[in-house]
Amino acid sequence: MKIQVYATYCARCLTFEKNLEGAIKELNLDEKIEKIDLDTAIKMNIRTSPTLIIDDEIKSSGDILSVEELKKILKESM
């Protein structure tokens, strides 16, 4: 599973990334989080942050999801 995130360094994005890391850890996944840059985000038509992309499909955009919400998305994407 390819996990990408577009996130700036605002408090909302940092919270999102921390929750995503927690969800990955709780599910005992070995996947790494790839951060995409602004140019890539523009090419993917991403307009808000944080945005979660799994296997090239946007799963969430603009919301700060909880660890439990992220675990559900990750499980559905397996």
N, C-alpha and C. Protein backbone atom coordinates (compact mmCIF):
# COMPACT_ATOMS: atom_id res chain seq x y z
N MET A 1 0.85 -1.17 0.00
CA MET A 1 0.00 0.00 0.00
C MET A 1 0.90 1.24 0.00
N LYS A 2 0.60 2.16 -0.87
CA LYS A 2 1.37 3.40 -0.99
C LYS A 2 0.59 4.51 -0.27
N ILE A 3 1.18 5.07 0.79
CA ILE A 3 0.53 6.11 1.58
C ILE A 3 1.26 7.42 1.35
N GLN A 4 0.51 8.40 0.86
CA GLN A 4 1.08 9.73 0.64
C GLN A 4 0.24 10.74 1.39
N VAL A 5 0.87 11.82 1.76
CA VAL A 5 0.15 12.89 2.44
C VAL A 5 0.67 14.23 1.92
N TYR A 6 -0.29 15.13 1.69
CA TYR A 6 0.07 16.52 1.38
C TYR A 6 -0.28 17.31 2.62
N ALA A 7 0.72 17.86 3.26
CA ALA A 7 0.49 18.61 4.48
C ALA A 7 1.52 19.72 4.58
N THR A 8 1.03 20.87 4.96
CA THR A 8 1.95 21.98 5.23
C THR A 8 2.43 21.79 6.68
N TYR A 9 3.01 22.77 7.24
CA TYR A 9 3.53 22.62 8.60
C TYR A 9 2.70 23.40 9.61
N CYS A 10 1.40 23.50 9.35
CA CYS A 10 0.51 24.15 10.30
C CYS A 10 0.13 23.14 11.39
N ALA A 11 -0.45 23.62 12.45
CA ALA A 11 -0.83 22.76 13.58
C ALA A 11 -1.81 21.68 13.15
N ARG A 12 -2.75 22.01 12.28
CA ARG A 12 -3.74 21.03 11.80
C ARG A 12 -3.04 19.87 11.08
N CYS A 13 -2.12 20.20 10.21
CA CYS A 13 -1.42 19.17 9.44
C CYS A 13 -0.52 18.32 10.32
N LEU A 14 0.13 18.96 11.28
CA LEU A 14 1.00 18.21 12.18
C LEU A 14 0.18 17.23 13.03
N THR A 15 -1.00 17.65 13.45
CA THR A 15 -1.90 16.76 14.20
C THR A 15 -2.34 15.60 13.32
N PHE A 16 -2.69 15.90 12.08
CA PHE A 16 -3.11 14.86 11.13
C PHE A 16 -1.99 13.83 10.94
N GLU A 17 -0.78 14.30 10.72
CA GLU A 17 0.35 13.40 10.51
C GLU A 17 0.62 12.54 11.74
N LYS A 18 0.52 13.13 12.92
CA LYS A 18 0.71 12.37 14.16
C LYS A 18 -0.35 11.28 14.28
N ASN A 19 -1.60 11.61 13.97
CA ASN A 19 -2.68 10.62 14.02
C ASN A 19 -2.47 9.52 12.99
N LEU A 20 -2.01 9.87 11.80
CA LEU A 20 -1.75 8.88 10.76
C LEU A 20 -0.62 7.94 11.18
N GLU A 21 0.43 8.49 11.74
CA GLU A 21 1.53 7.66 12.24
C GLU A 21 1.03 6.71 13.33
N GLY A 22 0.16 7.20 14.21
CA GLY A 22 -0.42 6.38 15.26
C GLY A 22 -1.27 5.25 14.71
N ALA A 23 -2.06 5.55 13.68
CA ALA A 23 -2.92 4.53 13.06
C ALA A 23 -2.07 3.45 12.40
N ILE A 24 -1.03 3.85 11.72
CA ILE A 24 -0.13 2.89 11.06
C ILE A 24 0.52 1.99 12.11
N LYS A 25 0.96 2.59 13.19
CA LYS A 25 1.61 1.83 14.26
C LYS A 25 0.63 0.86 14.91
N GLU A 26 -0.57 1.31 15.23
CA GLU A 26 -1.56 0.46 15.88
C GLU A 26 -1.97 -0.72 15.01
N LEU A 27 -1.92 -0.54 13.70
CA LEU A 27 -2.26 -1.63 12.78
C LEU A 27 -1.05 -2.50 12.43
N ASN A 28 0.10 -2.17 13.03
CA ASN A 28 1.34 -2.91 12.78
C ASN A 28 1.70 -2.97 11.30
N LEU A 29 1.53 -1.86 10.61
CA LEU A 29 1.88 -1.78 9.19
C LEU A 29 3.32 -1.32 9.05
N ASP A 30 3.97 -1.78 8.00
CA ASP A 30 5.35 -1.38 7.72
C ASP A 30 5.43 -0.21 6.74
N GLU A 31 4.29 0.22 6.23
CA GLU A 31 4.28 1.28 5.22
C GLU A 31 4.85 2.58 5.78
N LYS A 32 5.53 3.27 4.91
CA LYS A 32 6.08 4.59 5.24
C LYS A 32 5.16 5.66 4.65
N ILE A 33 5.16 6.81 5.27
CA ILE A 33 4.38 7.94 4.77
C ILE A 33 5.27 8.76 3.85
N GLU A 34 4.82 8.92 2.62
CA GLU A 34 5.54 9.76 1.65
C GLU A 34 4.87 11.12 1.62
N LYS A 35 5.63 12.16 1.87
CA LYS A 35 5.08 13.52 1.81
C LYS A 35 5.25 14.04 0.39
N ILE A 36 4.17 14.56 -0.16
CA ILE A 36 4.26 15.12 -1.51
C ILE A 36 4.42 16.62 -1.42
N ASP A 37 5.09 17.18 -2.41
CA ASP A 37 5.34 18.61 -2.42
C ASP A 37 4.21 19.37 -3.12
N LEU A 38 4.31 20.66 -3.09
CA LEU A 38 3.27 21.51 -3.66
C LEU A 38 3.07 21.27 -5.15
N ASP A 39 4.15 21.12 -5.89
CA ASP A 39 4.03 20.88 -7.34
C ASP A 39 3.25 19.60 -7.63
N THR A 40 3.55 18.56 -6.89
CA THR A 40 2.84 17.29 -7.07
C THR A 40 1.38 17.44 -6.68
N ALA A 41 1.12 18.16 -5.58
CA ALA A 41 -0.25 18.38 -5.13
C ALA A 41 -1.05 19.13 -6.21
N ILE A 42 -0.45 20.12 -6.83
CA ILE A 42 -1.12 20.88 -7.88
C ILE A 42 -1.45 19.96 -9.06
N LYS A 43 -0.49 19.12 -9.45
CA LYS A 43 -0.72 18.19 -10.56
C LYS A 43 -1.84 17.21 -10.25
N MET A 44 -2.01 16.88 -8.96
CA MET A 44 -3.06 15.95 -8.54
C MET A 44 -4.38 16.67 -8.25
N ASN A 45 -4.40 17.99 -8.50
CA ASN A 45 -5.58 18.82 -8.27
C ASN A 45 -5.99 18.86 -6.79
N ILE A 46 -5.02 18.82 -5.91
CA ILE A 46 -5.26 18.93 -4.47
C ILE A 46 -5.25 20.40 -4.11
N ARG A 47 -6.30 20.83 -3.44
CA ARG A 47 -6.43 22.25 -3.11
C ARG A 47 -6.39 22.54 -1.61
N THR A 48 -6.52 21.51 -0.78
CA THR A 48 -6.54 21.72 0.66
C THR A 48 -5.58 20.76 1.36
N SER A 49 -5.22 21.14 2.54
CA SER A 49 -4.38 20.25 3.35
C SER A 49 -5.03 20.12 4.73
N PRO A 50 -4.81 19.03 5.38
CA PRO A 50 -4.07 17.86 4.95
C PRO A 50 -4.88 17.00 3.99
N THR A 51 -4.18 16.31 3.12
CA THR A 51 -4.81 15.38 2.18
C THR A 51 -4.11 14.03 2.28
N LEU A 52 -4.91 12.98 2.39
CA LEU A 52 -4.40 11.62 2.46
C LEU A 52 -4.67 10.92 1.13
N ILE A 53 -3.61 10.36 0.55
CA ILE A 53 -3.72 9.64 -0.71
C ILE A 53 -3.20 8.22 -0.47
N ILE A 54 -4.02 7.24 -0.81
CA ILE A 54 -3.61 5.85 -0.68
C ILE A 54 -3.73 5.20 -2.05
N ASP A 55 -2.62 4.63 -2.51
CA ASP A 55 -2.57 3.99 -3.83
C ASP A 55 -3.13 4.91 -4.92
N ASP A 56 -2.68 6.17 -4.88
CA ASP A 56 -3.02 7.20 -5.87
C ASP A 56 -4.48 7.63 -5.86
N GLU A 57 -5.21 7.32 -4.79
CA GLU A 57 -6.61 7.75 -4.65
C GLU A 57 -6.75 8.62 -3.41
N ILE A 58 -7.34 9.80 -3.58
CA ILE A 58 -7.54 10.70 -2.44
C ILE A 58 -8.61 10.10 -1.54
N LYS A 59 -8.23 9.90 -0.27
CA LYS A 59 -9.14 9.29 0.71
C LYS A 59 -9.72 10.32 1.66
N SER A 60 -9.01 11.42 1.85
CA SER A 60 -9.46 12.47 2.76
C SER A 60 -8.76 13.76 2.39
N SER A 61 -9.49 14.86 2.48
CA SER A 61 -8.89 16.15 2.17
C SER A 61 -9.51 17.24 3.03
N GLY A 62 -8.66 17.94 3.77
CA GLY A 62 -9.11 19.08 4.55
C GLY A 62 -9.58 18.77 5.96
N ASP A 63 -9.69 17.49 6.30
CA ASP A 63 -10.18 17.10 7.62
C ASP A 63 -9.04 16.57 8.48
N ILE A 64 -9.12 16.84 9.77
CA ILE A 64 -8.18 16.25 10.72
C ILE A 64 -8.87 15.01 11.26
N LEU A 65 -8.48 13.86 10.73
CA LEU A 65 -9.11 12.61 11.12
C LEU A 65 -8.45 12.05 12.38
N SER A 66 -9.25 11.37 13.19
CA SER A 66 -8.73 10.73 14.40
C SER A 66 -7.97 9.47 14.03
N VAL A 67 -7.26 8.93 14.98
CA VAL A 67 -6.54 7.68 14.78
C VAL A 67 -7.52 6.59 14.36
N GLU A 68 -8.66 6.52 15.02
CA GLU A 68 -9.66 5.49 14.70
C GLU A 68 -10.21 5.65 13.28
N GLU A 69 -10.48 6.89 12.88
CA GLU A 69 -10.97 7.12 11.52
C GLU A 69 -9.91 6.72 10.48
N LEU A 70 -8.67 7.04 10.77
CA LEU A 70 -7.58 6.69 9.85
C LEU A 70 -7.36 5.19 9.80
N LYS A 71 -7.50 4.52 10.93
CA LYS A 71 -7.37 3.06 10.95
C LYS A 71 -8.44 2.43 10.06
N LYS A 72 -9.65 2.94 10.11
CA LYS A 72 -10.73 2.42 9.28
C LYS A 72 -10.39 2.59 7.80
N ILE A 73 -9.91 3.76 7.42
CA ILE A 73 -9.54 4.01 6.02
C ILE A 73 -8.41 3.07 5.59
N LEU A 74 -7.41 2.92 6.45
CA LEU A 74 -6.29 2.05 6.12
C LEU A 74 -6.74 0.60 5.97
N LYS A 75 -7.60 0.13 6.86
CA LYS A 75 -8.09 -1.26 6.77
C LYS A 75 -8.86 -1.47 5.47
N GLU A 76 -9.70 -0.49 5.10
CA GLU A 76 -10.49 -0.60 3.88
C GLU A 76 -9.60 -0.60 2.63
N SER A 77 -8.41 -0.03 2.75
CA SER A 77 -7.51 0.09 1.62
C SER A 77 -6.56 -1.10 1.48
N MET A 78 -6.61 -2.00 2.43
CA MET A 78 -5.70 -3.16 2.39
C MET A 78 -6.15 -4.17 1.36
